[in-house]
């Protein structure tokens, strides 16, 4: 499975592994998974995970902060995982 699909699937494991933006509200879930933890979980290097997160951010799927990943487009992540997996 491609790294982008593995990262996408990990970010979809709500609410444990990423912040999720709620439309029309500034609230987010409380738990977050760091890039190094994502890398360990998916079996990729932290550098590779950073590249995948940057790719997702450029497409508006996520917003990446210093200590957080905010999922902005869950459906986009799902499509990305399906495209890379299948």
Protein backbone atom coordinates (compact mmCIF):
# COMPACT_ATOMS: atom_id res chain seq x y z
CA UNK A 1 0.00 0.00 0.00
CA UNK A 2 1.30 3.47 -0.86
CA UNK A 3 2.46 5.74 1.96
CA UNK A 4 -0.25 8.28 1.15
CA UNK A 5 -2.96 5.64 1.50
CA UNK A 6 -1.53 4.43 4.82
CA UNK A 7 -1.32 7.97 6.22
CA UNK A 8 -4.81 8.77 4.93
CA UNK A 9 -6.28 5.70 6.61
CA UNK A 10 -4.51 6.54 9.87
CA UNK A 11 -5.90 10.09 9.85
CA UNK A 12 -9.40 8.73 9.28
CA UNK A 13 -9.31 6.78 12.56
CA UNK A 14 -11.28 9.49 14.30
CA UNK A 15 -11.20 10.69 17.01
CA UNK A 16 -8.04 9.11 18.37
CA UNK A 17 -5.40 10.11 15.86
CA UNK A 18 -6.08 13.58 14.48
CA UNK A 19 -7.93 16.76 15.10
CA UNK A 20 -11.06 17.13 12.97
CA UNK A 21 -12.30 20.59 12.06
CA UNK A 22 -16.02 20.98 12.55
CA UNK A 23 -17.79 23.07 9.91
CA UNK A 24 -19.04 26.43 11.17
CA UNK A 25 -17.36 25.93 14.56
CA UNK A 26 -13.84 26.51 15.77
CA UNK A 27 -13.88 23.39 17.92
CA UNK A 28 -11.71 20.35 17.38
CA UNK A 29 -11.36 16.97 19.06
CA UNK A 30 -8.88 16.76 21.90
CA UNK A 31 -6.34 14.12 20.88
CA UNK A 32 -3.57 14.41 18.32
CA UNK A 33 -0.99 12.10 16.79
CA UNK A 34 2.45 13.52 16.03
CA UNK A 35 4.18 12.97 12.71
CA UNK A 36 6.67 10.58 14.30
CA UNK A 37 3.79 8.56 15.74
CA UNK A 38 2.04 8.47 12.36
CA UNK A 39 5.32 7.31 10.80
CA UNK A 40 5.72 4.54 13.34
CA UNK A 41 2.10 3.43 12.93
CA UNK A 42 2.27 3.24 9.11
CA UNK A 43 5.85 1.96 8.85
CA UNK A 44 7.27 4.96 7.00
CA UNK A 45 9.97 7.48 7.89
CA UNK A 46 8.94 10.78 9.53
CA UNK A 47 10.33 12.56 6.47
CA UNK A 48 8.08 10.53 4.15
CA UNK A 49 5.07 11.23 6.37
CA UNK A 50 5.92 14.95 6.28
CA UNK A 51 5.95 14.84 2.46
CA UNK A 52 2.60 13.04 2.40
CA UNK A 53 1.08 15.54 4.86
CA UNK A 54 2.40 18.41 2.73
CA UNK A 55 0.80 16.78 -0.34
CA UNK A 56 -2.50 16.49 1.55
CA UNK A 57 -2.25 20.10 2.78
CA UNK A 58 -1.64 21.41 -0.75
CA UNK A 59 -4.90 19.74 -1.80
CA UNK A 60 -6.86 21.09 1.16
CA UNK A 61 -7.36 17.71 2.85
CA UNK A 62 -5.51 18.68 6.04
CA UNK A 63 -3.97 21.65 7.79
CA UNK A 64 -0.64 20.84 9.41
CA UNK A 65 0.60 22.74 12.46
CA UNK A 66 3.67 22.33 14.63
CA UNK A 67 1.98 19.79 16.91
CA UNK A 68 -1.23 18.95 15.09
CA UNK A 69 -2.88 17.73 11.95
CA UNK A 70 -6.37 19.11 11.33
CA UNK A 71 -8.45 17.05 8.92
CA UNK A 72 -10.36 19.54 6.78
CA UNK A 73 -11.69 17.26 4.04
CA UNK A 74 -12.41 13.76 5.28
CA UNK A 75 -14.03 12.72 2.00
CA UNK A 76 -10.92 13.84 0.10
CA UNK A 77 -8.77 11.69 2.37
CA UNK A 78 -11.07 8.74 1.78
CA UNK A 79 -10.88 9.18 -1.99
CA UNK A 80 -7.08 9.46 -1.78
CA UNK A 81 -6.83 6.25 0.24
CA UNK A 82 -9.13 4.41 -2.16
CA UNK A 83 -7.24 5.64 -5.23
CA UNK A 84 -3.84 4.67 -3.82
CA UNK A 85 -5.01 1.36 -2.38
CA UNK A 86 -7.03 0.05 -5.29
